[in-house]
């Protein structure tokens, strides 16, 4: 599991996107550390208007290249450096990087756990989506200002989930509409993020990984594993991610619990302990607070084929606490 969400995906870019054209020899090509630039012809599906995939680890090396498509990149795990138009840009979890038409770019280095969403957007989709409104700068060849910002954890986590769900959709109409929505949401989130927001430190990133591995870990246990003062760890978490350590851990537990009950392989009671909660009452309160519905309603919606996982809100919040009868229903063998 990455710091943002569970995922198992394919090797990397779709096969149709791995073909790179011959290096150009034009004198107009921008110089880039003495190495040639490749013009990549991205075969964007016309009906969808763009394509999305998850770039992972060290699956393949992509030479320095450029293309006509606008690229949206969201880092969800690991660290890397990108060289874009002669600039070296550090990337970490939550980094949102825009690459504009004809900009030379290449990944200089990356950690083995590096994962990043790449969304390539066609001109027609961008024109129809951004012609009117605050995202209009995306229609320019090179919008003014910086092109990489670090999003608060809550915003990056939300966008990560939206991209993950969109990548699994099969309908061209749904993908096209989803891409338009994600572009507008990503641009709005990007504009609201601080230009000078720091990339997540190695200490906080390690803490995130430890929580993903074992959500039951306490703050004290995390601090001891990291050899840090608990107060320093908490402050770093809040400063770099925009949420407290406790909030992050609760979100991880809720997402893990949701995945377990949706698979229907465990009872709700077993799933709550597997997700790191201390009791079902604690799990139920956290789930309703984050998802907007009870676990039972969530499973019922997903069981009917409703896309309950596409949004964190399933319906009106339930005000009751689970009863002893609920416990027996959830785990009838006890």
C-alpha atoms as a PDB file:
ATOM      1  CA  UNK A   1       0.000   0.000   0.000  1.00  0.00           C
ATOM      2  CA  UNK A   2       1.267   3.415  -0.886  1.00  0.00           C
ATOM      3  CA  UNK A   3       0.984   6.376   1.488  1.00  0.00           C
ATOM      4  CA  UNK A   4      -2.292   7.281  -0.236  1.00  0.00           C
ATOM      5  CA  UNK A   5      -4.157   4.099  -1.139  1.00  0.00           C
ATOM      6  CA  UNK A   6      -4.055   0.350  -1.824  1.00  0.00           C
ATOM      7  CA  UNK A   7      -3.269  -0.628  -5.390  1.00  0.00           C
ATOM      8  CA  UNK A   8      -2.036  -3.443  -7.564  1.00  0.00           C
ATOM      9  CA  UNK A   9      -1.488  -2.385 -11.158  1.00  0.00           C
ATOM     10  CA  UNK A  10       0.255  -3.297 -14.371  1.00  0.00           C
ATOM     11  CA  UNK A  11       3.850  -2.700 -15.288  1.00  0.00           C
ATOM     12  CA  UNK A  12       3.635   0.925 -16.318  1.00  0.00           C
ATOM     13  CA  UNK A  13       2.514   2.944 -19.312  1.00  0.00           C
ATOM     14  CA  UNK A  14       0.147   1.273 -21.774  1.00  0.00           C
ATOM     15  CA  UNK A  15       2.066  -0.540 -24.491  1.00  0.00           C
ATOM     16  CA  UNK A  16       0.803   1.926 -27.095  1.00  0.00           C
ATOM     17  CA  UNK A  17       2.562   4.742 -25.232  1.00  0.00           C
ATOM     18  CA  UNK A  18       5.995   3.130 -25.025  1.00  0.00           C
ATOM     19  CA  UNK A  19       6.903   3.745 -28.682  1.00  0.00           C
ATOM     20  CA  UNK A  20       9.252   6.696 -29.007  1.00  0.00           C
ATOM     21  CA  UNK A  21      10.107   8.358 -32.325  1.00  0.00           C
ATOM     22  CA  UNK A  22      13.619   8.880 -33.661  1.00  0.00           C
ATOM     23  CA  UNK A  23      15.617  11.707 -32.055  1.00  0.00           C
ATOM     24  CA  UNK A  24      15.178  14.992 -33.846  1.00  0.00           C
ATOM     25  CA  UNK A  25      18.103  16.842 -35.362  1.00  0.00           C
ATOM     26  CA  UNK A  26      16.517  20.250 -35.731  1.00  0.00           C
ATOM     27  CA  UNK A  27      18.553  23.242 -34.618  1.00  0.00           C
ATOM     28  CA  UNK A  28      15.370  24.556 -33.039  1.00  0.00           C
ATOM     29  CA  UNK A  29      15.384  21.786 -30.459  1.00  0.00           C
ATOM     30  CA  UNK A  30      16.047  23.245 -27.009  1.00  0.00           C
ATOM     31  CA  UNK A  31      19.433  22.126 -25.651  1.00  0.00           C
ATOM     32  CA  UNK A  32      19.202  19.816 -22.660  1.00  0.00           C
ATOM     33  CA  UNK A  33      22.519  18.830 -21.130  1.00  0.00           C
ATOM     34  CA  UNK A  34      23.921  17.762 -24.494  1.00  0.00           C
ATOM     35  CA  UNK A  35      21.519  14.862 -24.982  1.00  0.00           C
ATOM     36  CA  UNK A  36      18.996  14.589 -27.836  1.00  0.00           C
ATOM     37  CA  UNK A  37      15.292  15.022 -27.254  1.00  0.00           C
ATOM     38  CA  UNK A  38      12.728  12.575 -28.611  1.00  0.00           C
ATOM     39  CA  UNK A  39       9.396  13.624 -30.028  1.00  0.00           C
ATOM     40  CA  UNK A  40       6.818  11.247 -28.619  1.00  0.00           C
ATOM     41  CA  UNK A  41       3.613  10.781 -30.563  1.00  0.00           C
ATOM     42  CA  UNK A  42       1.092   9.919 -27.873  1.00  0.00           C
ATOM     43  CA  UNK A  43      -1.771   7.926 -29.438  1.00  0.00           C
ATOM     44  CA  UNK A  44      -4.493   9.430 -27.256  1.00  0.00           C
ATOM     45  CA  UNK A  45      -7.860   7.686 -27.661  1.00  0.00           C
ATOM     46  CA  UNK A  46     -10.186  10.085 -29.471  1.00  0.00           C
ATOM     47  CA  UNK A  47     -13.323   9.092 -27.597  1.00  0.00           C
ATOM     48  CA  UNK A  48     -11.729   9.375 -24.154  1.00  0.00           C
ATOM     49  CA  UNK A  49      -9.706  12.499 -24.995  1.00  0.00           C
ATOM     50  CA  UNK A  50      -6.755  11.370 -22.903  1.00  0.00           C
ATOM     51  CA  UNK A  51      -5.146   8.472 -21.106  1.00  0.00           C
ATOM     52  CA  UNK A  52      -4.174   7.686 -17.511  1.00  0.00           C
ATOM     53  CA  UNK A  53      -1.722   5.192 -16.039  1.00  0.00           C
ATOM     54  CA  UNK A  54       0.379   4.559 -12.945  1.00  0.00           C
ATOM     55  CA  UNK A  55       4.148   4.886 -13.386  1.00  0.00           C
ATOM     56  CA  UNK A  56       5.947   2.676 -10.877  1.00  0.00           C
ATOM     57  CA  UNK A  57       9.451   2.056  -9.579  1.00  0.00           C
ATOM     58  CA  UNK A  58      12.098   0.979 -12.051  1.00  0.00           C
ATOM     59  CA  UNK A  59       9.927  -0.791 -14.612  1.00  0.00           C
ATOM     60  CA  UNK A  60      11.362   1.043 -17.597  1.00  0.00           C
ATOM     61  CA  UNK A  61      13.535   4.000 -18.491  1.00  0.00           C
ATOM     62  CA  UNK A  62      11.987   6.630 -20.716  1.00  0.00           C
ATOM     63  CA  UNK A  63      14.466   8.799 -22.631  1.00  0.00           C
ATOM     64  CA  UNK A  64      14.301  12.576 -22.586  1.00  0.00           C
ATOM     65  CA  UNK A  65      11.234  13.411 -24.642  1.00  0.00           C
ATOM     66  CA  UNK A  66       8.508  15.932 -25.412  1.00  0.00           C
ATOM     67  CA  UNK A  67       5.034  15.825 -26.873  1.00  0.00           C
ATOM     68  CA  UNK A  68       2.028  17.965 -27.735  1.00  0.00           C
ATOM     69  CA  UNK A  69      -0.162  16.683 -24.907  1.00  0.00           C
ATOM     70  CA  UNK A  70      -0.448  18.423 -21.553  1.00  0.00           C
ATOM     71  CA  UNK A  71       0.615  16.069 -18.767  1.00  0.00           C
ATOM     72  CA  UNK A  72      -0.702  15.989 -15.208  1.00  0.00           C
ATOM     73  CA  UNK A  73       1.545  14.079 -12.781  1.00  0.00           C
ATOM     74  CA  UNK A  74       0.672  13.227  -9.165  1.00  0.00           C
ATOM     75  CA  UNK A  75       3.276  11.492  -6.994  1.00  0.00           C
ATOM     76  CA  UNK A  76       1.744   9.066  -4.503  1.00  0.00           C
ATOM     77  CA  UNK A  77       4.835   7.305  -3.125  1.00  0.00           C
ATOM     78  CA  UNK A  78       8.616   7.463  -3.099  1.00  0.00           C
ATOM     79  CA  UNK A  79      10.980  10.197  -4.254  1.00  0.00           C
ATOM     80  CA  UNK A  80      12.326  11.326  -7.585  1.00  0.00           C
ATOM     81  CA  UNK A  81      13.828  14.206  -9.541  1.00  0.00           C
ATOM     82  CA  UNK A  82      12.409  15.341 -12.858  1.00  0.00           C
ATOM     83  CA  UNK A  83      14.324  17.414 -15.340  1.00  0.00           C
ATOM     84  CA  UNK A  84      11.855  19.693 -17.121  1.00  0.00           C
ATOM     85  CA  UNK A  85      13.041  22.246 -19.689  1.00  0.00           C
ATOM     86  CA  UNK A  86      16.461  22.393 -18.054  1.00  0.00           C
ATOM     87  CA  UNK A  87      15.132  22.657 -14.477  1.00  0.00           C
ATOM     88  CA  UNK A  88      15.664  19.946 -11.874  1.00  0.00           C
ATOM     89  CA  UNK A  89      12.485  19.474  -9.832  1.00  0.00           C
ATOM     90  CA  UNK A  90      12.391  17.345  -6.629  1.00  0.00           C
ATOM     91  CA  UNK A  91       9.279  15.204  -6.236  1.00  0.00           C
ATOM     92  CA  UNK A  92       7.770  13.411  -3.251  1.00  0.00           C
ATOM     93  CA  UNK A  93       4.337  12.170  -2.126  1.00  0.00           C
ATOM     94  CA  UNK A  94       1.774  14.857  -2.911  1.00  0.00           C
ATOM     95  CA  UNK A  95       3.817  16.619  -5.616  1.00  0.00           C
ATOM     96  CA  UNK A  96       1.614  17.773  -8.503  1.00  0.00           C
ATOM     97  CA  UNK A  97       3.599  18.501 -11.656  1.00  0.00           C
ATOM     98  CA  UNK A  98       2.253  19.929 -14.911  1.00  0.00           C
ATOM     99  CA  UNK A  99       4.216  19.390 -18.126  1.00  0.00           C
ATOM    100  CA  UNK A 100       3.234  21.591 -21.034  1.00  0.00           C
ATOM    101  CA  UNK A 101       3.433  21.061 -24.814  1.00  0.00           C
ATOM    102  CA  UNK A 102       6.940  20.723 -26.275  1.00  0.00           C
ATOM    103  CA  UNK A 103       8.668  20.796 -22.881  1.00  0.00           C
ATOM    104  CA  UNK A 104      11.638  18.429 -22.709  1.00  0.00           C
ATOM    105  CA  UNK A 105      11.306  16.213 -19.667  1.00  0.00           C
ATOM    106  CA  UNK A 106      12.932  13.122 -18.210  1.00  0.00           C
ATOM    107  CA  UNK A 107      12.967  11.355 -14.877  1.00  0.00           C
ATOM    108  CA  UNK A 108      16.510  11.743 -13.596  1.00  0.00           C
ATOM    109  CA  UNK A 109      16.315   9.300 -10.693  1.00  0.00           C
ATOM    110  CA  UNK A 110      13.747   7.602  -8.510  1.00  0.00           C
ATOM    111  CA  UNK A 111      13.482   5.467  -5.400  1.00  0.00           C
ATOM    112  CA  UNK A 112      12.407   1.813  -5.822  1.00  0.00           C
ATOM    113  CA  UNK A 113       9.006   2.549  -4.241  1.00  0.00           C
ATOM    114  CA  UNK A 114       8.274   5.498  -6.527  1.00  0.00           C
ATOM    115  CA  UNK A 115       4.716   5.691  -7.877  1.00  0.00           C
ATOM    116  CA  UNK A 116       3.172   8.511  -9.878  1.00  0.00           C
ATOM    117  CA  UNK A 117      -0.069   8.966 -11.767  1.00  0.00           C
ATOM    118  CA  UNK A 118       0.453  10.263 -15.302  1.00  0.00           C
ATOM    119  CA  UNK A 119      -2.499  11.763 -17.152  1.00  0.00           C
ATOM    120  CA  UNK A 120      -1.923  12.781 -20.784  1.00  0.00           C
ATOM    121  CA  UNK A 121      -4.583  15.187 -22.037  1.00  0.00           C
ATOM    122  CA  UNK A 122      -5.561  15.856 -25.643  1.00  0.00           C
ATOM    123  CA  UNK A 123      -6.083  19.354 -26.996  1.00  0.00           C
ATOM    124  CA  UNK A 124      -9.773  18.852 -27.768  1.00  0.00           C
ATOM    125  CA  UNK A 125     -10.558  17.665 -24.256  1.00  0.00           C
ATOM    126  CA  UNK A 126      -8.671  20.599 -22.723  1.00  0.00           C
ATOM    127  CA  UNK A 127     -10.382  23.113 -25.008  1.00  0.00           C
ATOM    128  CA  UNK A 128     -13.852  21.809 -24.168  1.00  0.00           C
ATOM    129  CA  UNK A 129     -13.016  21.620 -20.460  1.00  0.00           C
ATOM    130  CA  UNK A 130     -10.987  24.786 -19.868  1.00  0.00           C
ATOM    131  CA  UNK A 131     -12.211  27.324 -22.436  1.00  0.00           C
ATOM    132  CA  UNK A 132     -14.253  29.113 -19.784  1.00  0.00           C
ATOM    133  CA  UNK A 133     -13.195  29.306 -16.158  1.00  0.00           C
ATOM    134  CA  UNK A 134     -10.110  29.404 -13.946  1.00  0.00           C
ATOM    135  CA  UNK A 135      -8.363  26.501 -15.740  1.00  0.00           C
ATOM    136  CA  UNK A 136      -8.067  28.485 -18.975  1.00  0.00           C
ATOM    137  CA  UNK A 137      -4.263  28.942 -18.511  1.00  0.00           C
ATOM    138  CA  UNK A 138      -3.876  25.245 -19.381  1.00  0.00           C
ATOM    139  CA  UNK A 139      -4.696  26.175 -22.978  1.00  0.00           C
ATOM    140  CA  UNK A 140      -1.573  28.329 -23.210  1.00  0.00           C
ATOM    141  CA  UNK A 141       1.659  26.874 -24.550  1.00  0.00           C
ATOM    142  CA  UNK A 142       3.472  27.804 -21.338  1.00  0.00           C
ATOM    143  CA  UNK A 143       1.291  29.174 -18.526  1.00  0.00           C
ATOM    144  CA  UNK A 144       3.001  31.727 -16.281  1.00  0.00           C
ATOM    145  CA  UNK A 145       4.317  30.805 -12.838  1.00  0.00           C
ATOM    146  CA  UNK A 146       5.685  27.575 -11.441  1.00  0.00           C
ATOM    147  CA  UNK A 147       4.507  24.179 -12.609  1.00  0.00           C
ATOM    148  CA  UNK A 148       5.055  21.986  -9.559  1.00  0.00           C
ATOM    149  CA  UNK A 149       3.531  22.341  -6.100  1.00  0.00           C
ATOM    150  CA  UNK A 150       3.167  20.065  -3.106  1.00  0.00           C
ATOM    151  CA  UNK A 151      -0.474  19.442  -2.202  1.00  0.00           C
ATOM    152  CA  UNK A 152      -1.766  19.042   1.355  1.00  0.00           C
ATOM    153  CA  UNK A 153      -2.171  15.367   2.193  1.00  0.00           C
ATOM    154  CA  UNK A 154      -5.983  15.456   2.240  1.00  0.00           C
ATOM    155  CA  UNK A 155      -6.130  16.955  -1.263  1.00  0.00           C
ATOM    156  CA  UNK A 156      -3.466  14.632  -2.680  1.00  0.00           C
ATOM    157  CA  UNK A 157      -5.129  11.590  -1.129  1.00  0.00           C
ATOM    158  CA  UNK A 158      -8.499  12.562  -2.577  1.00  0.00           C
ATOM    159  CA  UNK A 159      -7.082  13.157  -6.058  1.00  0.00           C
ATOM    160  CA  UNK A 160      -5.168   9.862  -5.890  1.00  0.00           C
ATOM    161  CA  UNK A 161      -8.382   7.956  -5.176  1.00  0.00           C
ATOM    162  CA  UNK A 162     -10.250   9.718  -7.980  1.00  0.00           C
ATOM    163  CA  UNK A 163      -7.509   8.884 -10.492  1.00  0.00           C
ATOM    164  CA  UNK A 164      -7.347   5.281  -9.317  1.00  0.00           C
ATOM    165  CA  UNK A 165     -11.083   4.786  -9.728  1.00  0.00           C
ATOM    166  CA  UNK A 166     -11.082   6.555 -13.088  1.00  0.00           C
ATOM    167  CA  UNK A 167      -8.257   4.337 -14.372  1.00  0.00           C
ATOM    168  CA  UNK A 168     -10.423   1.277 -13.762  1.00  0.00           C
ATOM    169  CA  UNK A 169     -13.427   2.567 -15.707  1.00  0.00           C
ATOM    170  CA  UNK A 170     -14.240   0.920 -19.049  1.00  0.00           C
ATOM    171  CA  UNK A 171     -16.728   3.291 -20.644  1.00  0.00           C
ATOM    172  CA  UNK A 172     -15.183   5.921 -22.937  1.00  0.00           C
ATOM    173  CA  UNK A 173     -17.914   8.384 -22.000  1.00  0.00           C
ATOM    174  CA  UNK A 174     -17.239   7.945 -18.284  1.00  0.00           C
ATOM    175  CA  UNK A 175     -13.471   8.254 -18.776  1.00  0.00           C
ATOM    176  CA  UNK A 176     -13.855  11.445 -20.818  1.00  0.00           C
ATOM    177  CA  UNK A 177     -16.160  13.044 -18.258  1.00  0.00           C
ATOM    178  CA  UNK A 178     -13.913  11.876 -15.424  1.00  0.00           C
ATOM    179  CA  UNK A 179     -10.793  13.301 -17.055  1.00  0.00           C
ATOM    180  CA  UNK A 180     -12.477  16.683 -17.460  1.00  0.00           C
ATOM    181  CA  UNK A 181     -13.527  16.659 -13.830  1.00  0.00           C
ATOM    182  CA  UNK A 182     -10.080  15.603 -12.588  1.00  0.00           C
ATOM    183  CA  UNK A 183      -8.350  18.302 -14.659  1.00  0.00           C
ATOM    184  CA  UNK A 184     -10.534  21.046 -13.213  1.00  0.00           C
ATOM    185  CA  UNK A 185     -10.234  19.701  -9.665  1.00  0.00           C
ATOM    186  CA  UNK A 186      -6.469  19.230  -9.962  1.00  0.00           C
ATOM    187  CA  UNK A 187      -5.950  22.750 -11.317  1.00  0.00           C
ATOM    188  CA  UNK A 188      -8.080  24.277  -8.558  1.00  0.00           C
ATOM    189  CA  UNK A 189      -6.227  22.302  -5.879  1.00  0.00           C
ATOM    190  CA  UNK A 190      -2.894  23.196  -7.438  1.00  0.00           C
ATOM    191  CA  UNK A 191      -3.690  26.920  -7.462  1.00  0.00           C
ATOM    192  CA  UNK A 192      -4.707  26.801  -3.807  1.00  0.00           C
ATOM    193  CA  UNK A 193      -1.516  25.005  -2.711  1.00  0.00           C
ATOM    194  CA  UNK A 194       1.405  27.021  -1.381  1.00  0.00           C
ATOM    195  CA  UNK A 195       4.169  27.464  -3.978  1.00  0.00           C
ATOM    196  CA  UNK A 196       6.794  27.006  -1.267  1.00  0.00           C
ATOM    197  CA  UNK A 197       5.213  23.987   0.449  1.00  0.00           C
ATOM    198  CA  UNK A 198       7.943  21.468   1.349  1.00  0.00           C
ATOM    199  CA  UNK A 199       8.237  18.013  -0.147  1.00  0.00           C
ATOM    200  CA  UNK A 200       7.483  15.364   2.472  1.00  0.00           C
ATOM    201  CA  UNK A 201      10.567  14.626   4.584  1.00  0.00           C
ATOM    202  CA  UNK A 202      12.042  11.145   4.803  1.00  0.00           C
ATOM    203  CA  UNK A 203      10.965  10.896   8.474  1.00  0.00           C
ATOM    204  CA  UNK A 204       7.308  11.627   7.708  1.00  0.00           C
ATOM    205  CA  UNK A 205       7.331   9.409   4.634  1.00  0.00           C
ATOM    206  CA  UNK A 206       8.756   6.533   6.703  1.00  0.00           C
ATOM    207  CA  UNK A 207       6.089   7.115   9.348  1.00  0.00           C
ATOM    208  CA  UNK A 208       3.412   6.988   6.627  1.00  0.00           C
ATOM    209  CA  UNK A 209       4.805   3.681   5.367  1.00  0.00           C
ATOM    210  CA  UNK A 210       4.893   2.237   8.889  1.00  0.00           C
ATOM    211  CA  UNK A 211       1.265   3.231   9.450  1.00  0.00           C
ATOM    212  CA  UNK A 212       0.286   1.666   6.136  1.00  0.00           C
ATOM    213  CA  UNK A 213       2.049  -1.525   7.199  1.00  0.00           C
ATOM    214  CA  UNK A 214       0.569  -1.597  10.702  1.00  0.00           C
ATOM    215  CA  UNK A 215      -2.237   0.932  11.373  1.00  0.00           C
ATOM    216  CA  UNK A 216      -2.450  -0.174  15.020  1.00  0.00           C
ATOM    217  CA  UNK A 217       0.894   1.486  15.859  1.00  0.00           C
ATOM    218  CA  UNK A 218       0.637   4.240  18.478  1.00  0.00           C
ATOM    219  CA  UNK A 219       2.372   7.595  18.242  1.00  0.00           C
ATOM    220  CA  UNK A 220       4.883   6.496  20.860  1.00  0.00           C
ATOM    221  CA  UNK A 221       5.657   3.268  19.004  1.00  0.00           C
ATOM    222  CA  UNK A 222       6.133   5.160  15.737  1.00  0.00           C
ATOM    223  CA  UNK A 223       8.447   7.668  17.396  1.00  0.00           C
ATOM    224  CA  UNK A 224      10.541   4.879  18.915  1.00  0.00           C
ATOM    225  CA  UNK A 225      10.855   3.096  15.568  1.00  0.00           C
ATOM    226  CA  UNK A 226      11.967   6.361  13.948  1.00  0.00           C
ATOM    227  CA  UNK A 227      14.143   7.343  16.933  1.00  0.00           C
ATOM    228  CA  UNK A 228      12.352  10.686  17.126  1.00  0.00           C
ATOM    229  CA  UNK A 229      10.660  12.652  19.871  1.00  0.00           C
ATOM    230  CA  UNK A 230       6.876  12.030  19.635  1.00  0.00           C
ATOM    231  CA  UNK A 231       6.185  15.779  19.717  1.00  0.00           C
ATOM    232  CA  UNK A 232       8.601  16.436  16.865  1.00  0.00           C
ATOM    233  CA  UNK A 233       7.024  13.664  14.788  1.00  0.00           C
ATOM    234  CA  UNK A 234       3.532  15.053  15.374  1.00  0.00           C
ATOM    235  CA  UNK A 235       4.554  18.587  14.457  1.00  0.00           C
ATOM    236  CA  UNK A 236       6.338  17.432  11.287  1.00  0.00           C
ATOM    237  CA  UNK A 237       3.290  15.419  10.247  1.00  0.00           C
ATOM    238  CA  UNK A 238       0.937  18.370  10.652  1.00  0.00           C
ATOM    239  CA  UNK A 239       3.298  20.844   8.972  1.00  0.00           C
ATOM    240  CA  UNK A 240       4.084  18.706   5.936  1.00  0.00           C
ATOM    241  CA  UNK A 241       0.788  16.902   5.334  1.00  0.00           C
ATOM    242  CA  UNK A 242      -1.747  19.381   6.676  1.00  0.00           C
ATOM    243  CA  UNK A 243      -3.349  16.731   8.913  1.00  0.00           C
ATOM    244  CA  UNK A 244      -2.437  15.329  12.294  1.00  0.00           C
ATOM    245  CA  UNK A 245      -0.818  11.942  12.678  1.00  0.00           C
ATOM    246  CA  UNK A 246      -3.985  10.673  14.354  1.00  0.00           C
ATOM    247  CA  UNK A 247      -6.174  11.859  11.474  1.00  0.00           C
ATOM    248  CA  UNK A 248      -3.919  10.216   8.919  1.00  0.00           C
ATOM    249  CA  UNK A 249      -3.867   6.927  10.821  1.00  0.00           C
ATOM    250  CA  UNK A 250      -7.659   6.940  11.168  1.00  0.00           C
ATOM    251  CA  UNK A 251      -8.087   7.538   7.428  1.00  0.00           C
ATOM    252  CA  UNK A 252      -5.760   4.613   6.669  1.00  0.00           C
ATOM    253  CA  UNK A 253      -7.727   2.370   9.021  1.00  0.00           C
ATOM    254  CA  UNK A 254     -11.061   3.390   7.496  1.00  0.00           C
ATOM    255  CA  UNK A 255      -9.855   2.789   3.942  1.00  0.00           C
ATOM    256  CA  UNK A 256      -8.448  -0.607   4.880  1.00  0.00           C
ATOM    257  CA  UNK A 257     -11.645  -1.553   6.699  1.00  0.00           C
ATOM    258  CA  UNK A 258     -13.731  -0.465   3.683  1.00  0.00           C
ATOM    259  CA  UNK A 259     -11.672  -2.641   1.368  1.00  0.00           C
ATOM    260  CA  UNK A 260     -11.960  -5.641   3.661  1.00  0.00           C
ATOM    261  CA  UNK A 261     -15.735  -5.485   4.100  1.00  0.00           C
ATOM    262  CA  UNK A 262     -16.298  -4.796   0.410  1.00  0.00           C
ATOM    263  CA  UNK A 263     -14.476  -8.034  -0.427  1.00  0.00           C
ATOM    264  CA  UNK A 264     -16.919  -9.866   1.891  1.00  0.00           C
ATOM    265  CA  UNK A 265     -14.201 -12.280   2.999  1.00  0.00           C
ATOM    266  CA  UNK A 266     -14.278 -11.251   6.666  1.00  0.00           C
ATOM    267  CA  UNK A 267     -16.970 -10.325   9.127  1.00  0.00           C
ATOM    268  CA  UNK A 268     -17.168  -6.647  10.002  1.00  0.00           C
ATOM    269  CA  UNK A 269     -15.850  -7.365  13.472  1.00  0.00           C
ATOM    270  CA  UNK A 270     -12.788  -9.252  12.199  1.00  0.00           C
ATOM    271  CA  UNK A 271     -12.219  -6.596   9.554  1.00  0.00           C
ATOM    272  CA  UNK A 272     -12.204  -3.794  12.124  1.00  0.00           C
ATOM    273  CA  UNK A 273      -9.428  -5.469  14.123  1.00  0.00           C
ATOM    274  CA  UNK A 274      -7.501  -6.315  10.943  1.00  0.00           C
ATOM    275  CA  UNK A 275      -7.682  -2.638   9.984  1.00  0.00           C
ATOM    276  CA  UNK A 276      -6.089  -1.595  13.281  1.00  0.00           C
ATOM    277  CA  UNK A 277      -9.083  -0.447  15.332  1.00  0.00           C
ATOM    278  CA  UNK A 278      -9.324  -1.333  19.013  1.00  0.00           C
ATOM    279  CA  UNK A 279     -13.079  -1.972  19.022  1.00  0.00           C
ATOM    280  CA  UNK A 280     -16.019  -2.110  16.628  1.00  0.00           C
ATOM    281  CA  UNK A 281     -17.598   0.947  18.269  1.00  0.00           C
ATOM    282  CA  UNK A 282     -14.440   2.964  17.543  1.00  0.00           C
ATOM    283  CA  UNK A 283     -14.390   1.643  13.978  1.00  0.00           C
ATOM    284  CA  UNK A 284     -18.061   2.456  13.408  1.00  0.00           C
ATOM    285  CA  UNK A 285     -17.676   6.062  14.609  1.00  0.00           C
ATOM    286  CA  UNK A 286     -14.625   6.630  12.433  1.00  0.00           C
ATOM    287  CA  UNK A 287     -16.238   5.022   9.388  1.00  0.00           C
ATOM    288  CA  UNK A 288     -19.410   7.095   9.618  1.00  0.00           C
ATOM    289  CA  UNK A 289     -17.352  10.237  10.186  1.00  0.00           C
ATOM    290  CA  UNK A 290     -15.224   9.670   7.083  1.00  0.00           C
ATOM    291  CA  UNK A 291     -17.612   7.887   4.717  1.00  0.00           C
ATOM    292  CA  UNK A 292     -20.948   9.453   5.671  1.00  0.00           C
ATOM    293  CA  UNK A 293     -22.755   6.123   6.010  1.00  0.00           C
ATOM    294  CA  UNK A 294     -22.676   2.976   8.124  1.00  0.00           C
ATOM    295  CA  UNK A 295     -20.524   0.001   7.115  1.00  0.00           C
ATOM    296  CA  UNK A 296     -23.674  -2.029   6.462  1.00  0.00           C
ATOM    297  CA  UNK A 297     -25.051   0.602   4.065  1.00  0.00           C
ATOM    298  CA  UNK A 298     -21.676   0.850   2.335  1.00  0.00           C
ATOM    299  CA  UNK A 299     -21.598  -2.892   1.656  1.00  0.00           C
ATOM    300  CA  UNK A 300     -25.237  -2.890   0.540  1.00  0.00           C
ATOM    301  CA  UNK A 301     -24.538  -0.168  -2.016  1.00  0.00           C
ATOM    302  CA  UNK A 302     -21.434  -1.869  -3.377  1.00  0.00           C
ATOM    303  CA  UNK A 303     -23.307  -5.179  -3.466  1.00  0.00           C
ATOM    304  CA  UNK A 304     -25.956  -3.685  -5.753  1.00  0.00           C
ATOM    305  CA  UNK A 305     -23.259  -2.584  -8.135  1.00  0.00           C
ATOM    306  CA  UNK A 306     -23.541   1.040  -7.069  1.00  0.00           C
ATOM    307  CA  UNK A 307     -20.240   2.921  -7.341  1.00  0.00           C
ATOM    308  CA  UNK A 308     -20.102   3.590  -3.601  1.00  0.00           C
ATOM    309  CA  UNK A 309     -16.313   3.683  -3.713  1.00  0.00           C
ATOM    310  CA  UNK A 310     -16.258   6.636  -6.103  1.00  0.00           C
ATOM    311  CA  UNK A 311     -17.144   9.085  -3.378  1.00  0.00           C
ATOM    312  CA  UNK A 312     -16.531   9.196   0.383  1.00  0.00           C
ATOM    313  CA  UNK A 313     -20.205   9.988   1.021  1.00  0.00           C
ATOM    314  CA  UNK A 314     -22.752   7.194   0.810  1.00  0.00           C
ATOM    315  CA  UNK A 315     -25.708   8.979   2.316  1.00  0.00           C
ATOM    316  CA  UNK A 316     -26.911  10.759   5.445  1.00  0.00           C
ATOM    317  CA  UNK A 317     -24.903  10.153   8.575  1.00  0.00           C
ATOM    318  CA  UNK A 318     -26.338   7.644  11.017  1.00  0.00           C
ATOM    319  CA  UNK A 319     -26.416   8.834  14.605  1.00  0.00           C
ATOM    320  CA  UNK A 320     -26.729   5.485  16.395  1.00  0.00           C
ATOM    321  CA  UNK A 321     -23.896   3.453  17.871  1.00  0.00           C
ATOM    322  CA  UNK A 322     -23.589  -0.284  17.066  1.00  0.00           C
ATOM    323  CA  UNK A 323     -25.483  -2.459  19.532  1.00  0.00           C
ATOM    324  CA  UNK A 324     -24.822  -5.919  20.916  1.00  0.00           C
ATOM    325  CA  UNK A 325     -27.254  -7.224  18.294  1.00  0.00           C
ATOM    326  CA  UNK A 326     -25.147  -5.559  15.608  1.00  0.00           C
ATOM    327  CA  UNK A 327     -22.075  -7.337  16.969  1.00  0.00           C
ATOM    328  CA  UNK A 328     -23.843 -10.721  16.850  1.00  0.00           C
ATOM    329  CA  UNK A 329     -25.079 -10.050  13.332  1.00  0.00           C
ATOM    330  CA  UNK A 330     -21.641  -9.010  12.162  1.00  0.00           C
ATOM    331  CA  UNK A 331     -19.947 -11.996  13.774  1.00  0.00           C
ATOM    332  CA  UNK A 332     -22.585 -14.699  14.318  1.00  0.00           C
ATOM    333  CA  UNK A 333     -20.081 -17.320  15.488  1.00  0.00           C
ATOM    334  CA  UNK A 334     -19.404 -15.395  18.723  1.00  0.00           C
END
